[in-house]
Amino acid sequence: MKKETVAKNRQIYITDFDLQRLQELIEVMAEQPSRDNRYLDELDQELLRAEVVAPRDIPPDVITMNSTVRLLDMDSKGELEYTLVFPPDADLEKGRISVLAPVGMAMIGYRVGDVVSWKVPGGTKRLKIKKILYQPEAAGDFDR
């Protein structure tokens, strides 16, 4: 039986391009009241511990901004597909989840096979990253 990797203590990766855009997002969002502001510090902490690489050097199995991923809910065993986006592009009905949403923040920088977890009112939610269906960098889209 394969041991699952719990992502909370894993090294995460982020492109320098995504890092710059996410830091700008944090600065802008911090200046205006929003329900997403409570997550800004958490995102900032994630970015501080990430290994920053050039877009061309990001491994193809890492979730970057605008990546589309297939996830397995570890409790229900149901599969979900999400595209990780910036807040203005979020649309849950279309599977476009904001990086400032708890699940979006939990996904950024992790790899296929990792299990991401975060607290929800009823306990802890756990999703296993099954497959990256699209990663901009792997597709040669270095400015997405």
Protein backbone atom coordinates (compact mmCIF):
# COMPACT_ATOMS: atom_id res chain seq x y z
CA MET A 1 0.00 0.00 0.00
CA LYS A 2 1.40 3.39 -1.02
CA LYS A 3 1.83 5.83 1.83
CA GLU A 4 0.14 9.15 1.14
CA THR A 5 2.21 12.31 1.37
CA VAL A 6 0.66 14.83 3.72
CA ALA A 7 1.31 18.13 2.02
CA LYS A 8 1.32 20.41 5.07
CA ASN A 9 5.01 19.77 5.76
CA ARG A 10 6.12 19.23 2.17
CA GLN A 11 8.28 21.57 0.16
CA ILE A 12 6.13 23.56 -2.23
CA TYR A 13 7.22 25.17 -5.47
CA ILE A 14 6.15 28.38 -7.13
CA THR A 15 7.30 30.20 -10.23
CA ASP A 16 8.88 33.60 -9.84
CA PHE A 17 6.14 34.94 -12.16
CA ASP A 18 3.35 33.55 -9.93
CA LEU A 19 5.17 34.78 -6.81
CA GLN A 20 5.30 38.33 -8.16
CA ARG A 21 1.61 38.32 -9.12
CA LEU A 22 0.54 36.79 -5.80
CA GLN A 23 2.58 39.30 -3.78
CA GLU A 24 0.95 42.12 -5.77
CA LEU A 25 -2.46 40.56 -5.06
CA ILE A 26 -1.71 40.44 -1.34
CA GLU A 27 -0.66 44.11 -1.34
CA VAL A 28 -3.76 45.28 -3.24
CA MET A 29 -6.19 43.11 -1.25
CA ALA A 30 -4.72 44.23 2.08
CA GLU A 31 -5.66 47.83 1.25
CA GLN A 32 -9.34 47.13 0.63
CA PRO A 33 -11.90 45.42 2.84
CA SER A 34 -12.89 42.00 1.54
CA ARG A 35 -14.04 38.67 2.89
CA ASP A 36 -10.86 37.18 1.36
CA ASN A 37 -8.57 39.34 3.55
CA ARG A 38 -8.58 36.80 6.36
CA TYR A 39 -6.66 34.44 4.07
CA LEU A 40 -3.97 36.93 2.99
CA ASP A 41 -1.64 36.12 5.90
CA GLU A 42 -1.99 32.39 5.27
CA LEU A 43 -1.16 32.83 1.59
CA ASP A 44 1.79 35.04 2.48
CA GLN A 45 3.11 32.34 4.85
CA GLU A 46 2.79 29.70 2.13
CA LEU A 47 4.74 31.91 -0.28
CA LEU A 48 7.51 32.48 2.28
CA ARG A 49 8.19 28.76 2.59
CA ALA A 50 7.99 28.01 -1.14
CA GLU A 51 10.98 27.24 -3.32
CA VAL A 52 10.92 29.82 -6.10
CA VAL A 53 11.90 28.66 -9.59
CA ALA A 54 11.81 30.08 -13.12
CA PRO A 55 8.65 29.15 -15.06
CA ARG A 56 10.69 26.96 -17.43
CA ASP A 57 12.10 25.05 -14.43
CA ILE A 58 8.87 24.24 -12.61
CA PRO A 59 8.24 20.48 -12.51
CA PRO A 60 5.21 19.52 -14.65
CA ASP A 61 3.51 17.80 -11.70
CA VAL A 62 3.28 21.01 -9.59
CA ILE A 63 0.10 23.08 -9.33
CA THR A 64 0.74 26.63 -10.53
CA MET A 65 -1.67 29.48 -11.14
CA ASN A 66 -4.16 28.65 -13.92
CA SER A 67 -3.46 24.92 -13.61
CA THR A 68 -6.41 22.56 -13.97
CA VAL A 69 -6.27 19.59 -11.62
CA ARG A 70 -8.20 16.44 -10.77
CA LEU A 71 -8.59 15.86 -7.03
CA LEU A 72 -9.88 12.95 -4.98
CA ASP A 73 -11.93 13.77 -1.88
CA MET A 74 -10.38 11.42 0.68
CA ASP A 75 -13.64 11.15 2.63
CA SER A 76 -16.33 10.82 -0.05
CA LYS A 77 -13.97 9.26 -2.66
CA GLY A 78 -15.55 11.60 -5.22
CA GLU A 79 -13.41 13.31 -7.84
CA LEU A 80 -13.34 17.06 -8.45
CA GLU A 81 -11.76 19.20 -11.15
CA TYR A 82 -10.64 22.75 -10.40
CA THR A 83 -8.70 25.44 -12.19
CA LEU A 84 -6.69 27.60 -9.77
CA VAL A 85 -7.25 31.28 -10.61
CA PHE A 86 -6.91 34.81 -9.28
CA PRO A 87 -9.96 36.12 -7.37
CA PRO A 88 -11.52 38.14 -10.25
CA ASP A 89 -11.59 34.99 -12.44
CA ALA A 90 -13.15 32.72 -9.80
CA ASP A 91 -16.41 30.99 -10.74
CA LEU A 92 -17.17 27.91 -8.65
CA GLU A 93 -19.92 26.77 -11.05
CA LYS A 94 -17.26 26.53 -13.77
CA GLY A 95 -14.73 24.89 -11.45
CA ARG A 96 -12.56 28.03 -11.31
CA ILE A 97 -11.41 28.38 -7.70
CA SER A 98 -9.69 31.43 -6.24
CA VAL A 99 -6.21 31.12 -4.80
CA LEU A 100 -7.65 32.97 -1.79
CA ALA A 101 -10.28 30.28 -1.15
CA PRO A 102 -9.14 27.75 1.46
CA VAL A 103 -8.94 24.89 -1.08
CA GLY A 104 -7.15 27.12 -3.60
CA MET A 105 -4.60 28.16 -1.04
CA ALA A 106 -4.18 24.54 -0.01
CA MET A 107 -3.40 23.53 -3.62
CA ILE A 108 -0.85 26.12 -4.79
CA GLY A 109 2.64 24.70 -5.17
CA TYR A 110 1.83 21.08 -4.35
CA ARG A 111 2.44 18.02 -6.52
CA VAL A 112 0.58 15.07 -7.92
CA GLY A 113 0.28 12.48 -5.14
CA ASP A 114 0.22 15.04 -2.32
CA VAL A 115 -2.75 15.19 0.03
CA VAL A 116 -3.74 18.72 0.93
CA SER A 117 -5.77 19.44 4.01
CA TRP A 118 -7.37 22.46 5.60
CA LYS A 119 -9.80 23.17 8.40
CA VAL A 120 -13.52 23.52 7.67
CA PRO A 121 -16.30 24.13 10.20
CA GLY A 122 -17.01 20.38 10.43
CA GLY A 123 -13.37 19.30 10.87
CA THR A 124 -10.60 18.84 8.31
CA LYS A 125 -11.05 18.41 4.57
CA ARG A 126 -8.51 16.27 2.69
CA LEU A 127 -8.01 16.12 -1.06
CA LYS A 128 -5.44 14.04 -2.92
CA ILE A 129 -3.97 15.57 -6.05
CA LYS A 130 -4.55 12.86 -8.64
CA LYS A 131 -3.58 14.51 -11.91
CA ILE A 132 -2.68 17.83 -13.45
CA LEU A 133 -4.81 18.14 -16.56
CA TYR A 134 -3.22 21.43 -17.64
CA GLN A 135 -0.27 23.38 -16.30
CA PRO A 136 0.51 26.60 -18.22
CA GLU A 137 4.28 26.19 -17.91
CA ALA A 138 4.27 22.57 -19.13
CA ALA A 139 2.17 23.73 -22.10
CA GLY A 140 4.70 26.48 -22.90
CA ASP A 141 2.40 29.27 -21.68
CA PHE A 142 4.93 31.12 -19.54
CA ASP A 143 2.94 34.34 -19.12
CA ARG A 144 -0.44 32.99 -17.97
